[in-house]
Amino acid sequence: MTSKAPSNNDLQRAAGEGMVDERLGNANTQPGLSPVLRTDLSIETAVKDVLRVAPIDSDGIIVSVSGGEVTLKGDVRTAEMKDLSLQIAQRVSGVTSVVNQLQLAQELLGAQGIVRWK
């Protein structure tokens, strides 16, 4: 299975046309405006907002931020969802790095011979 990196258009469709730049914090870097420094809380909120509208099931994703470093924990259904979650978090304004600790739900339960989805 190959995974394709989402394009800007993919992310715009995920967030609704014209909302990606705003939700990813790019609206604060318009010509003539100085960039806004973001707090960890505002970064966390922005990441959660964009994940919520992305074409992934983000209910199992826990987002935490410390000093601009985003940590993604929890489980997702596919490798594509894991990759997309990482790419979305990396694009949010103010994020300095992303630690991707997401696991595939199948990996978590497969060892027990049980496959189920949340």
PDB file of N, CA and C in Angstrom:
ATOM      1  N   MET A   1       0.850  -1.169   0.000  1.00  0.00           N
ATOM      2  CA  MET A   1       0.000   0.000   0.000  1.00  0.00           C
ATOM      3  C   MET A   1       0.895   1.232   0.000  1.00  0.00           C
ATOM      4  N   THR A   2       0.700   2.110  -0.942  1.00  0.00           N
ATOM      5  CA  THR A   2       1.485   3.334  -0.983  1.00  0.00           C
ATOM      6  C   THR A   2       0.631   4.475  -0.485  1.00  0.00           C
ATOM      7  N   SER A   3       1.303   5.425   0.153  1.00  0.00           N
ATOM      8  CA  SER A   3       0.540   6.557   0.643  1.00  0.00           C
ATOM      9  C   SER A   3       1.024   7.808  -0.050  1.00  0.00           C
ATOM     10  N   LYS A   4       0.092   8.603  -0.467  1.00  0.00           N
ATOM     11  CA  LYS A   4       0.362   9.822  -1.207  1.00  0.00           C
ATOM     12  C   LYS A   4       0.263  10.989  -0.239  1.00  0.00           C
ATOM     13  N   ALA A   5       1.259  11.859  -0.276  1.00  0.00           N
ATOM     14  CA  ALA A   5       1.225  13.042   0.578  1.00  0.00           C
ATOM     15  C   ALA A   5       0.087  13.942   0.115  1.00  0.00           C
ATOM     16  N   PRO A   6      -0.690  14.458   1.056  1.00  0.00           N
ATOM     17  CA  PRO A   6      -1.797  15.320   0.655  1.00  0.00           C
ATOM     18  C   PRO A   6      -1.288  16.653   0.123  1.00  0.00           C
ATOM     19  N   SER A   7      -1.909  17.142  -0.911  1.00  0.00           N
ATOM     20  CA  SER A   7      -1.556  18.439  -1.467  1.00  0.00           C
ATOM     21  C   SER A   7      -2.276  19.530  -0.686  1.00  0.00           C
ATOM     22  N   ASN A   8      -1.911  20.766  -0.971  1.00  0.00           N
ATOM     23  CA  ASN A   8      -2.624  21.887  -0.352  1.00  0.00           C
ATOM     24  C   ASN A   8      -4.110  21.807  -0.683  1.00  0.00           C
ATOM     25  N   ASN A   9      -4.426  21.375  -1.913  1.00  0.00           N
ATOM     26  CA  ASN A   9      -5.841  21.248  -2.300  1.00  0.00           C
ATOM     27  C   ASN A   9      -6.541  20.189  -1.466  1.00  0.00           C
ATOM     28  N   ASP A  10      -5.830  19.073  -1.185  1.00  0.00           N
ATOM     29  CA  ASP A  10      -6.418  18.030  -0.341  1.00  0.00           C
ATOM     30  C   ASP A  10      -6.767  18.589   1.027  1.00  0.00           C
ATOM     31  N   LEU A  11      -5.850  19.351   1.590  1.00  0.00           N
ATOM     32  CA  LEU A  11      -6.076  19.910   2.920  1.00  0.00           C
ATOM     33  C   LEU A  11      -7.157  20.976   2.893  1.00  0.00           C
ATOM     34  N   GLN A  12      -7.220  21.744   1.796  1.00  0.00           N
ATOM     35  CA  GLN A  12      -8.288  22.741   1.695  1.00  0.00           C
ATOM     36  C   GLN A  12      -9.646  22.063   1.628  1.00  0.00           C
ATOM     37  N   ARG A  13      -9.726  20.955   0.887  1.00  0.00           N
ATOM     38  CA  ARG A  13     -10.984  20.217   0.842  1.00  0.00           C
ATOM     39  C   ARG A  13     -11.311  19.664   2.220  1.00  0.00           C
ATOM     40  N   ALA A  14     -10.292  19.237   2.952  1.00  0.00           N
ATOM     41  CA  ALA A  14     -10.520  18.679   4.280  1.00  0.00           C
ATOM     42  C   ALA A  14     -11.089  19.726   5.222  1.00  0.00           C
ATOM     43  N   ALA A  15     -10.611  20.948   5.128  1.00  0.00           N
ATOM     44  CA  ALA A  15     -11.028  21.992   6.052  1.00  0.00           C
ATOM     45  C   ALA A  15     -12.124  22.876   5.497  1.00  0.00           C
ATOM     46  N   GLY A  16     -12.475  22.700   4.261  1.00  0.00           N
ATOM     47  CA  GLY A  16     -13.456  23.575   3.642  1.00  0.00           C
ATOM     48  C   GLY A  16     -12.721  24.664   2.889  1.00  0.00           C
ATOM     49  N   GLU A  17     -13.126  24.954   1.706  1.00  0.00           N
ATOM     50  CA  GLU A  17     -12.430  25.899   0.851  1.00  0.00           C
ATOM     51  C   GLU A  17     -12.152  27.213   1.558  1.00  0.00           C
ATOM     52  N   GLY A  18     -10.907  27.657   1.511  1.00  0.00           N
ATOM     53  CA  GLY A  18     -10.532  28.941   2.074  1.00  0.00           C
ATOM     54  C   GLY A  18     -10.290  28.939   3.566  1.00  0.00           C
ATOM     55  N   MET A  19     -10.539  27.822   4.248  1.00  0.00           N
ATOM     56  CA  MET A  19     -10.391  27.809   5.702  1.00  0.00           C
ATOM     57  C   MET A  19      -9.044  27.264   6.152  1.00  0.00           C
ATOM     58  N   VAL A  20      -8.318  26.571   5.277  1.00  0.00           N
ATOM     59  CA  VAL A  20      -7.073  25.945   5.699  1.00  0.00           C
ATOM     60  C   VAL A  20      -6.061  26.970   6.153  1.00  0.00           C
ATOM     61  N   ASP A  21      -5.840  28.007   5.336  1.00  0.00           N
ATOM     62  CA  ASP A  21      -4.844  28.999   5.721  1.00  0.00           C
ATOM     63  C   ASP A  21      -5.174  29.627   7.057  1.00  0.00           C
ATOM     64  N   GLU A  22      -6.446  29.929   7.274  1.00  0.00           N
ATOM     65  CA  GLU A  22      -6.857  30.524   8.542  1.00  0.00           C
ATOM     66  C   GLU A  22      -6.650  29.546   9.687  1.00  0.00           C
ATOM     67  N   ARG A  23      -7.082  28.303   9.496  1.00  0.00           N
ATOM     68  CA  ARG A  23      -6.967  27.318  10.560  1.00  0.00           C
ATOM     69  C   ARG A  23      -5.527  26.905  10.821  1.00  0.00           C
ATOM     70  N   LEU A  24      -4.676  26.985   9.802  1.00  0.00           N
ATOM     71  CA  LEU A  24      -3.283  26.622   9.993  1.00  0.00           C
ATOM     72  C   LEU A  24      -2.446  27.807  10.442  1.00  0.00           C
ATOM     73  N   GLY A  25      -3.075  28.944  10.634  1.00  0.00           N
ATOM     74  CA  GLY A  25      -2.358  30.085  11.174  1.00  0.00           C
ATOM     75  C   GLY A  25      -1.638  30.919  10.142  1.00  0.00           C
ATOM     76  N   ASN A  26      -1.816  30.632   8.853  1.00  0.00           N
ATOM     77  CA  ASN A  26      -1.129  31.396   7.831  1.00  0.00           C
ATOM     78  C   ASN A  26      -1.742  32.770   7.634  1.00  0.00           C
ATOM     79  N   ALA A  27      -2.934  32.981   8.123  1.00  0.00           N
ATOM     80  CA  ALA A  27      -3.596  34.274   7.964  1.00  0.00           C
ATOM     81  C   ALA A  27      -2.864  35.361   8.747  1.00  0.00           C
ATOM     82  N   ASN A  28      -2.054  34.984   9.730  1.00  0.00           N
ATOM     83  CA  ASN A  28      -1.379  35.991  10.541  1.00  0.00           C
ATOM     84  C   ASN A  28      -0.057  36.443   9.934  1.00  0.00           C
ATOM     85  N   THR A  29       0.262  36.014   8.717  1.00  0.00           N
ATOM     86  CA  THR A  29       1.505  36.429   8.083  1.00  0.00           C
ATOM     87  C   THR A  29       1.243  37.163   6.770  1.00  0.00           C
ATOM     88  N   GLN A  30       0.113  37.833   6.683  1.00  0.00           N
ATOM     89  CA  GLN A  30      -0.208  38.604   5.493  1.00  0.00           C
ATOM     90  C   GLN A  30       0.753  39.786   5.392  1.00  0.00           C
ATOM     91  N   PRO A  31       1.015  40.258   4.156  1.00  0.00           N
ATOM     92  CA  PRO A  31       1.906  41.402   3.984  1.00  0.00           C
ATOM     93  C   PRO A  31       1.467  42.578   4.850  1.00  0.00           C
ATOM     94  N   GLY A  32       2.421  43.173   5.513  1.00  0.00           N
ATOM     95  CA  GLY A  32       2.128  44.331   6.347  1.00  0.00           C
ATOM     96  C   GLY A  32       1.788  43.990   7.781  1.00  0.00           C
ATOM     97  N   LEU A  33       1.576  42.728   8.066  1.00  0.00           N
ATOM     98  CA  LEU A  33       1.264  42.314   9.427  1.00  0.00           C
ATOM     99  C   LEU A  33       2.431  41.520   9.992  1.00  0.00           C
ATOM    100  N   SER A  34       2.748  41.773  11.249  1.00  0.00           N
ATOM    101  CA  SER A  34       3.820  40.984  11.852  1.00  0.00           C
ATOM    102  C   SER A  34       3.253  39.648  12.302  1.00  0.00           C
ATOM    103  N   PRO A  35       4.070  38.587  12.219  1.00  0.00           N
ATOM    104  CA  PRO A  35       3.587  37.278  12.657  1.00  0.00           C
ATOM    105  C   PRO A  35       3.200  37.299  14.130  1.00  0.00           C
ATOM    106  N   VAL A  36       2.158  36.575  14.444  1.00  0.00           N
ATOM    107  CA  VAL A  36       1.680  36.504  15.817  1.00  0.00           C
ATOM    108  C   VAL A  36       2.343  35.317  16.499  1.00  0.00           C
ATOM    109  N   LEU A  37       2.909  35.544  17.684  1.00  0.00           N
ATOM    110  CA  LEU A  37       3.458  34.434  18.440  1.00  0.00           C
ATOM    111  C   LEU A  37       2.307  33.653  19.028  1.00  0.00           C
ATOM    112  N   ARG A  38       2.365  32.341  18.903  1.00  0.00           N
ATOM    113  CA  ARG A  38       1.265  31.507  19.347  1.00  0.00           C
ATOM    114  C   ARG A  38       1.626  30.807  20.635  1.00  0.00           C
ATOM    115  N   THR A  39       0.655  30.700  21.501  1.00  0.00           N
ATOM    116  CA  THR A  39       0.835  29.956  22.740  1.00  0.00           C
ATOM    117  C   THR A  39       0.648  28.474  22.458  1.00  0.00           C
ATOM    118  N   ASP A  40       1.130  27.646  23.375  1.00  0.00           N
ATOM    119  CA  ASP A  40       0.933  26.205  23.229  1.00  0.00           C
ATOM    120  C   ASP A  40      -0.549  25.868  23.136  1.00  0.00           C
ATOM    121  N   LEU A  41      -1.366  26.544  23.925  1.00  0.00           N
ATOM    122  CA  LEU A  41      -2.802  26.282  23.902  1.00  0.00           C
ATOM    123  C   LEU A  41      -3.410  26.619  22.540  1.00  0.00           C
ATOM    124  N   SER A  42      -2.992  27.747  21.947  1.00  0.00           N
ATOM    125  CA  SER A  42      -3.556  28.106  20.638  1.00  0.00           C
ATOM    126  C   SER A  42      -3.064  27.153  19.547  1.00  0.00           C
ATOM    127  N   ILE A  43      -1.826  26.663  19.669  1.00  0.00           N
ATOM    128  CA  ILE A  43      -1.316  25.677  18.710  1.00  0.00           C
ATOM    129  C   ILE A  43      -2.105  24.379  18.848  1.00  0.00           C
ATOM    130  N   GLU A  44      -2.308  23.942  20.087  1.00  0.00           N
ATOM    131  CA  GLU A  44      -3.073  22.710  20.328  1.00  0.00           C
ATOM    132  C   GLU A  44      -4.477  22.814  19.755  1.00  0.00           C
ATOM    133  N   THR A  45      -5.119  23.944  19.985  1.00  0.00           N
ATOM    134  CA  THR A  45      -6.470  24.162  19.469  1.00  0.00           C
ATOM    135  C   THR A  45      -6.482  24.131  17.950  1.00  0.00           C
ATOM    136  N   ALA A  46      -5.493  24.782  17.314  1.00  0.00           N
ATOM    137  CA  ALA A  46      -5.429  24.819  15.852  1.00  0.00           C
ATOM    138  C   ALA A  46      -5.220  23.417  15.278  1.00  0.00           C
ATOM    139  N   VAL A  47      -4.317  22.643  15.881  1.00  0.00           N
ATOM    140  CA  VAL A  47      -4.074  21.276  15.396  1.00  0.00           C
ATOM    141  C   VAL A  47      -5.346  20.447  15.522  1.00  0.00           C
ATOM    142  N   LYS A  48      -6.005  20.514  16.666  1.00  0.00           N
ATOM    143  CA  LYS A  48      -7.234  19.750  16.880  1.00  0.00           C
ATOM    144  C   LYS A  48      -8.326  20.171  15.894  1.00  0.00           C
ATOM    145  N   ASP A  49      -8.447  21.468  15.655  1.00  0.00           N
ATOM    146  CA  ASP A  49      -9.475  21.966  14.731  1.00  0.00           C
ATOM    147  C   ASP A  49      -9.270  21.422  13.325  1.00  0.00           C
ATOM    148  N   VAL A  50      -8.032  21.450  12.841  1.00  0.00           N
ATOM    149  CA  VAL A  50      -7.783  20.988  11.482  1.00  0.00           C
ATOM    150  C   VAL A  50      -7.903  19.471  11.404  1.00  0.00           C
ATOM    151  N   LEU A  51      -7.431  18.750  12.416  1.00  0.00           N
ATOM    152  CA  LEU A  51      -7.592  17.293  12.417  1.00  0.00           C
ATOM    153  C   LEU A  51      -9.065  16.904  12.396  1.00  0.00           C
ATOM    154  N   ARG A  52      -9.890  17.682  13.094  1.00  0.00           N
ATOM    155  CA  ARG A  52     -11.312  17.373  13.185  1.00  0.00           C
ATOM    156  C   ARG A  52     -12.001  17.434  11.823  1.00  0.00           C
ATOM    157  N   VAL A  53     -11.546  18.320  10.940  1.00  0.00           N
ATOM    158  CA  VAL A  53     -12.197  18.463   9.635  1.00  0.00           C
ATOM    159  C   VAL A  53     -11.449  17.735   8.528  1.00  0.00           C
ATOM    160  N   ALA A  54     -10.319  17.137   8.849  1.00  0.00           N
ATOM    161  CA  ALA A  54      -9.543  16.386   7.856  1.00  0.00           C
ATOM    162  C   ALA A  54     -10.241  15.053   7.568  1.00  0.00           C
ATOM    163  N   PRO A  55      -9.895  14.434   6.443  1.00  0.00           N
ATOM    164  CA  PRO A  55     -10.540  13.161   6.090  1.00  0.00           C
ATOM    165  C   PRO A  55      -9.962  11.977   6.875  1.00  0.00           C
ATOM    166  N   ILE A  56      -9.928  12.117   8.188  1.00  0.00           N
ATOM    167  CA  ILE A  56      -9.434  11.055   9.068  1.00  0.00           C
ATOM    168  C   ILE A  56     -10.357  10.963  10.274  1.00  0.00           C
ATOM    169  N   ASP A  57     -10.311   9.850  10.952  1.00  0.00           N
ATOM    170  CA  ASP A  57     -11.065   9.695  12.192  1.00  0.00           C
ATOM    171  C   ASP A  57     -10.143  10.144  13.320  1.00  0.00           C
ATOM    172  N   SER A  58     -10.302  11.374  13.756  1.00  0.00           N
ATOM    173  CA  SER A  58      -9.380  11.949  14.743  1.00  0.00           C
ATOM    174  C   SER A  58      -9.834  11.727  16.181  1.00  0.00           C
ATOM    175  N   ASP A  59     -10.931  10.995  16.377  1.00  0.00           N
ATOM    176  CA  ASP A  59     -11.434  10.774  17.737  1.00  0.00           C
ATOM    177  C   ASP A  59     -10.420  10.072  18.627  1.00  0.00           C
ATOM    178  N   GLY A  60      -9.570   9.232  18.051  1.00  0.00           N
ATOM    179  CA  GLY A  60      -8.590   8.489  18.844  1.00  0.00           C
ATOM    180  C   GLY A  60      -7.256   9.194  18.985  1.00  0.00           C
ATOM    181  N   ILE A  61      -7.162  10.454  18.512  1.00  0.00           N
ATOM    182  CA  ILE A  61      -5.897  11.182  18.540  1.00  0.00           C
ATOM    183  C   ILE A  61      -5.878  12.159  19.709  1.00  0.00           C
ATOM    184  N   ILE A  62      -4.829  12.058  20.499  1.00  0.00           N
ATOM    185  CA  ILE A  62      -4.614  12.982  21.621  1.00  0.00           C
ATOM    186  C   ILE A  62      -3.482  13.923  21.225  1.00  0.00           C
ATOM    187  N   VAL A  63      -3.735  15.226  21.308  1.00  0.00           N
ATOM    188  CA  VAL A  63      -2.760  16.241  20.935  1.00  0.00           C
ATOM    189  C   VAL A  63      -2.294  16.957  22.188  1.00  0.00           C
ATOM    190  N   SER A  64      -0.983  17.060  22.352  1.00  0.00           N
ATOM    191  CA  SER A  64      -0.436  17.873  23.436  1.00  0.00           C
ATOM    192  C   SER A  64       0.694  18.724  22.863  1.00  0.00           C
ATOM    193  N   VAL A  65       0.929  19.877  23.479  1.00  0.00           N
ATOM    194  CA  VAL A  65       1.942  20.804  22.981  1.00  0.00           C
ATOM    195  C   VAL A  65       2.743  21.343  24.160  1.00  0.00           C
ATOM    196  N   SER A  66       4.058  21.381  23.988  1.00  0.00           N
ATOM    197  CA  SER A  66       4.941  21.969  24.993  1.00  0.00           C
ATOM    198  C   SER A  66       6.064  22.695  24.274  1.00  0.00           C
ATOM    199  N   GLY A  67       6.146  23.996  24.475  1.00  0.00           N
ATOM    200  CA  GLY A  67       7.190  24.788  23.832  1.00  0.00           C
ATOM    201  C   GLY A  67       7.133  24.740  22.319  1.00  0.00           C
ATOM    202  N   GLY A  68       5.948  24.600  21.761  1.00  0.00           N
ATOM    203  CA  GLY A  68       5.774  24.530  20.318  1.00  0.00           C
ATOM    204  C   GLY A  68       5.935  23.132  19.744  1.00  0.00           C
ATOM    205  N   GLU A  69       6.376  22.176  20.571  1.00  0.00           N
ATOM    206  CA  GLU A  69       6.520  20.796  20.111  1.00  0.00           C
ATOM    207  C   GLU A  69       5.203  20.066  20.304  1.00  0.00           C
ATOM    208  N   VAL A  70       4.660  19.559  19.207  1.00  0.00           N
ATOM    209  CA  VAL A  70       3.382  18.851  19.226  1.00  0.00           C
ATOM    210  C   VAL A  70       3.651  17.355  19.360  1.00  0.00           C
ATOM    211  N   THR A  71       2.906  16.710  20.248  1.00  0.00           N
ATOM    212  CA  THR A  71       2.958  15.259  20.369  1.00  0.00           C
ATOM    213  C   THR A  71       1.586  14.708  20.013  1.00  0.00           C
ATOM    214  N   LEU A  72       1.576  13.746  19.088  1.00  0.00           N
ATOM    215  CA  LEU A  72       0.355  13.065  18.680  1.00  0.00           C
ATOM    216  C   LEU A  72       0.399  11.658  19.248  1.00  0.00           C
ATOM    217  N   LYS A  73      -0.617  11.295  20.032  1.00  0.00           N
ATOM    218  CA  LYS A  73      -0.708   9.961  20.623  1.00  0.00           C
ATOM    219  C   LYS A  73      -2.069   9.372  20.300  1.00  0.00           C
ATOM    220  N   GLY A  74      -2.161   8.070  20.439  1.00  0.00           N
ATOM    221  CA  GLY A  74      -3.432   7.399  20.231  1.00  0.00           C
ATOM    222  C   GLY A  74      -3.365   6.440  19.074  1.00  0.00           C
ATOM    223  N   ASP A  75      -4.536   6.130  18.535  1.00  0.00           N
ATOM    224  CA  ASP A  75      -4.580   5.166  17.449  1.00  0.00           C
ATOM    225  C   ASP A  75      -5.411   5.675  16.287  1.00  0.00           C
ATOM    226  N   VAL A  76      -5.006   5.278  15.099  1.00  0.00           N
ATOM    227  CA  VAL A  76      -5.710   5.598  13.859  1.00  0.00           C
ATOM    228  C   VAL A  76      -5.887   4.304  13.079  1.00  0.00           C
ATOM    229  N   ARG A  77      -6.752   4.337  12.081  1.00  0.00           N
ATOM    230  CA  ARG A  77      -7.105   3.109  11.358  1.00  0.00           C
ATOM    231  C   ARG A  77      -6.119   2.724  10.261  1.00  0.00           C
ATOM    232  N   THR A  78      -5.475   3.720   9.636  1.00  0.00           N
ATOM    233  CA  THR A  78      -4.603   3.407   8.502  1.00  0.00           C
ATOM    234  C   THR A  78      -3.293   4.181   8.588  1.00  0.00           C
ATOM    235  N   ALA A  79      -2.299   3.689   7.851  1.00  0.00           N
ATOM    236  CA  ALA A  79      -1.014   4.385   7.771  1.00  0.00           C
ATOM    237  C   ALA A  79      -1.194   5.754   7.119  1.00  0.00           C
ATOM    238  N   GLU A  80      -2.128   5.861   6.172  1.00  0.00           N
ATOM    239  CA  GLU A  80      -2.384   7.145   5.518  1.00  0.00           C
ATOM    240  C   GLU A  80      -2.900   8.170   6.525  1.00  0.00           C
ATOM    241  N   MET A  81      -3.767   7.738   7.437  1.00  0.00           N
ATOM    242  CA  MET A  81      -4.278   8.641   8.470  1.00  0.00           C
ATOM    243  C   MET A  81      -3.158   9.092   9.400  1.00  0.00           C
ATOM    244  N   LYS A  82      -2.258   8.182   9.710  1.00  0.00           N
ATOM    245  CA  LYS A  82      -1.111   8.508  10.556  1.00  0.00           C
ATOM    246  C   LYS A  82      -0.231   9.555   9.873  1.00  0.00           C
ATOM    247  N   ASP A  83       0.064   9.334   8.583  1.00  0.00           N
ATOM    248  CA  ASP A  83       0.893  10.272   7.821  1.00  0.00           C
ATOM    249  C   ASP A  83       0.216  11.627   7.671  1.00  0.00           C
ATOM    250  N   LEU A  84      -1.074  11.625   7.359  1.00  0.00           N
ATOM    251  CA  LEU A  84      -1.801  12.873   7.180  1.00  0.00           C
ATOM    252  C   LEU A  84      -1.858  13.669   8.485  1.00  0.00           C
ATOM    253  N   SER A  85      -2.044  12.993   9.600  1.00  0.00           N
ATOM    254  CA  SER A  85      -2.072  13.667  10.901  1.00  0.00           C
ATOM    255  C   SER A  85      -0.751  14.372  11.166  1.00  0.00           C
ATOM    256  N   LEU A  86       0.341  13.701  10.864  1.00  0.00           N
ATOM    257  CA  LEU A  86       1.672  14.294  11.034  1.00  0.00           C
ATOM    258  C   LEU A  86       1.834  15.513  10.142  1.00  0.00           C
ATOM    259  N   GLN A  87       1.462  15.378   8.873  1.00  0.00           N
ATOM    260  CA  GLN A  87       1.620  16.491   7.935  1.00  0.00           C
ATOM    261  C   GLN A  87       0.770  17.686   8.317  1.00  0.00           C
ATOM    262  N   ILE A  88      -0.423  17.436   8.804  1.00  0.00           N
ATOM    263  CA  ILE A  88      -1.290  18.530   9.238  1.00  0.00           C
ATOM    264  C   ILE A  88      -0.655  19.263  10.415  1.00  0.00           C
ATOM    265  N   ALA A  89      -0.200  18.519  11.402  1.00  0.00           N
ATOM    266  CA  ALA A  89       0.402  19.137  12.585  1.00  0.00           C
ATOM    267  C   ALA A  89       1.638  19.951  12.212  1.00  0.00           C
ATOM    268  N   GLN A  90       2.437  19.455  11.283  1.00  0.00           N
ATOM    269  CA  GLN A  90       3.651  20.160  10.877  1.00  0.00           C
ATOM    270  C   GLN A  90       3.355  21.498  10.221  1.00  0.00           C
ATOM    271  N   ARG A  91       2.185  21.626   9.614  1.00  0.00           N
ATOM    272  CA  ARG A  91       1.839  22.845   8.872  1.00  0.00           C
ATOM    273  C   ARG A  91       1.228  23.944   9.742  1.00  0.00           C
ATOM    274  N   VAL A  92       0.912  23.641  10.970  1.00  0.00           N
ATOM    275  CA  VAL A  92       0.285  24.644  11.828  1.00  0.00           C
ATOM    276  C   VAL A  92       1.326  25.674  12.260  1.00  0.00           C
ATOM    277  N   SER A  93       0.968  26.922  12.128  1.00  0.00           N
ATOM    278  CA  SER A  93       1.852  28.012  12.510  1.00  0.00           C
ATOM    279  C   SER A  93       2.236  27.904  13.985  1.00  0.00           C
ATOM    280  N   GLY A  94       3.512  28.072  14.276  1.00  0.00           N
ATOM    281  CA  GLY A  94       3.987  28.033  15.652  1.00  0.00           C
ATOM    282  C   GLY A  94       4.551  26.689  16.066  1.00  0.00           C
ATOM    283  N   VAL A  95       4.301  25.648  15.276  1.00  0.00           N
ATOM    284  CA  VAL A  95       4.802  24.312  15.600  1.00  0.00           C
ATOM    285  C   VAL A  95       6.292  24.268  15.277  1.00  0.00           C
ATOM    286  N   THR A  96       7.095  23.857  16.259  1.00  0.00           N
ATOM    287  CA  THR A  96       8.540  23.750  16.057  1.00  0.00           C
ATOM    288  C   THR A  96       8.953  22.347  15.661  1.00  0.00           C
ATOM    289  N   SER A  97       8.226  21.348  16.132  1.00  0.00           N
ATOM    290  CA  SER A  97       8.485  19.952  15.764  1.00  0.00           C
ATOM    291  C   SER A  97       7.268  19.122  16.133  1.00  0.00           C
ATOM    292  N   VAL A  98       7.220  17.902  15.572  1.00  0.00           N
ATOM    293  CA  VAL A  98       6.102  17.002  15.852  1.00  0.00           C
ATOM    294  C   VAL A  98       6.665  15.631  16.214  1.00  0.00           C
ATOM    295  N   VAL A  99       6.208  15.108  17.340  1.00  0.00           N
ATOM    296  CA  VAL A  99       6.533  13.754  17.755  1.00  0.00           C
ATOM    297  C   VAL A  99       5.296  12.916  17.460  1.00  0.00           C
ATOM    298  N   ASN A 100       5.435  11.984  16.513  1.00  0.00           N
ATOM    299  CA  ASN A 100       4.293  11.184  16.087  1.00  0.00           C
ATOM    300  C   ASN A 100       4.335   9.828  16.787  1.00  0.00           C
ATOM    301  N   GLN A 101       3.530   9.683  17.826  1.00  0.00           N
ATOM    302  CA  GLN A 101       3.435   8.429  18.563  1.00  0.00           C
ATOM    303  C   GLN A 101       2.127   7.700  18.242  1.00  0.00           C
ATOM    304  N   LEU A 102       1.512   8.062  17.124  1.00  0.00           N
ATOM    305  CA  LEU A 102       0.280   7.399  16.712  1.00  0.00           C
ATOM    306  C   LEU A 102       0.580   5.961  16.314  1.00  0.00           C
ATOM    307  N   GLN A 103      -0.348   5.079  16.630  1.00  0.00           N
ATOM    308  CA  GLN A 103      -0.227   3.673  16.263  1.00  0.00           C
ATOM    309  C   GLN A 103      -1.454   3.270  15.469  1.00  0.00           C
ATOM    310  N   LEU A 104      -1.261   2.275  14.635  1.00  0.00           N
ATOM    311  CA  LEU A 104      -2.399   1.732  13.906  1.00  0.00           C
ATOM    312  C   LEU A 104      -3.213   0.864  14.854  1.00  0.00           C
ATOM    313  N   ALA A 105      -4.515   1.040  14.855  1.00  0.00           N
ATOM    314  CA  ALA A 105      -5.384   0.270  15.736  1.00  0.00           C
ATOM    315  C   ALA A 105      -5.164  -1.222  15.522  1.00  0.00           C
ATOM    316  N   GLN A 106      -4.909  -1.605  14.301  1.00  0.00           N
ATOM    317  CA  GLN A 106      -4.681  -3.009  13.966  1.00  0.00           C
ATOM    318  C   GLN A 106      -3.432  -3.534  14.679  1.00  0.00           C
ATOM    319  N   GLU A 107      -2.377  -2.699  14.792  1.00  0.00           N
ATOM    320  CA  GLU A 107      -1.150  -3.099  15.485  1.00  0.00           C
ATOM    321  C   GLU A 107      -1.425  -3.314  16.961  1.00  0.00           C
ATOM    322  N   LEU A 108      -2.261  -2.463  17.536  1.00  0.00           N
ATOM    323  CA  LEU A 108      -2.540  -2.554  18.962  1.00  0.00           C
ATOM    324  C   LEU A 108      -3.296  -3.822  19.316  1.00  0.00           C
ATOM    325  N   LEU A 109      -4.227  -4.220  18.464  1.00  0.00           N
ATOM    326  CA  LEU A 109      -5.085  -5.352  18.780  1.00  0.00           C
ATOM    327  C   LEU A 109      -4.697  -6.632  18.054  1.00  0.00           C
ATOM    328  N   GLY A 110      -3.948  -6.498  16.957  1.00  0.00           N
ATOM    329  CA  GLY A 110      -3.588  -7.655  16.147  1.00  0.00           C
ATOM    330  C   GLY A 110      -2.791  -8.694  16.897  1.00  0.00           C
ATOM    331  N   ALA A 111      -1.977  -8.277  17.846  1.00  0.00           N
ATOM    332  CA  ALA A 111      -1.164  -9.223  18.614  1.00  0.00           C
ATOM    333  C   ALA A 111      -2.038 -10.186  19.420  1.00  0.00           C
ATOM    334  N   GLN A 112      -3.244  -9.757  19.728  1.00  0.00           N
ATOM    335  CA  GLN A 112      -4.167 -10.586  20.501  1.00  0.00           C
ATOM    336  C   GLN A 112      -5.108 -11.380  19.595  1.00  0.00           C
ATOM    337  N   GLY A 113      -4.935 -11.212  18.274  1.00  0.00           N
ATOM    338  CA  GLY A 113      -5.799 -11.916  17.338  1.00  0.00           C
ATOM    339  C   GLY A 113      -7.161 -11.281  17.207  1.00  0.00           C
ATOM    340  N   ILE A 114      -7.310 -10.073  17.727  1.00  0.00           N
ATOM    341  CA  ILE A 114      -8.591  -9.373  17.673  1.00  0.00           C
ATOM    342  C   ILE A 114      -8.408  -8.147  16.795  1.00  0.00           C
ATOM    343  N   VAL A 115      -9.289  -7.948  15.845  1.00  0.00           N
ATOM    344  CA  VAL A 115      -9.249  -6.749  15.036  1.00  0.00           C
ATOM    345  C   VAL A 115     -10.579  -6.056  15.194  1.00  0.00           C
ATOM    346  N   ARG A 116     -10.535  -4.842  15.662  1.00  0.00           N
ATOM    347  CA  ARG A 116     -11.756  -4.045  15.810  1.00  0.00           C
ATOM    348  C   ARG A 116     -11.403  -2.589  15.651  1.00  0.00           C
ATOM    349  N   TRP A 117     -12.384  -1.808  15.362  1.00  0.00           N
ATOM    350  CA  TRP A 117     -12.181  -0.363  15.199  1.00  0.00           C
ATOM    351  C   TRP A 117     -13.004   0.362  16.228  1.00  0.00           C
ATOM    352  N   LYS A 118     -12.509   1.461  16.669  1.00  0.00           N
ATOM    353  CA  LYS A 118     -13.252   2.275  17.634  1.00  0.00           C
ATOM    354  C   LYS A 118     -14.380   2.988  16.952  1.00  0.00           C
TER     355      LYS A 118
END
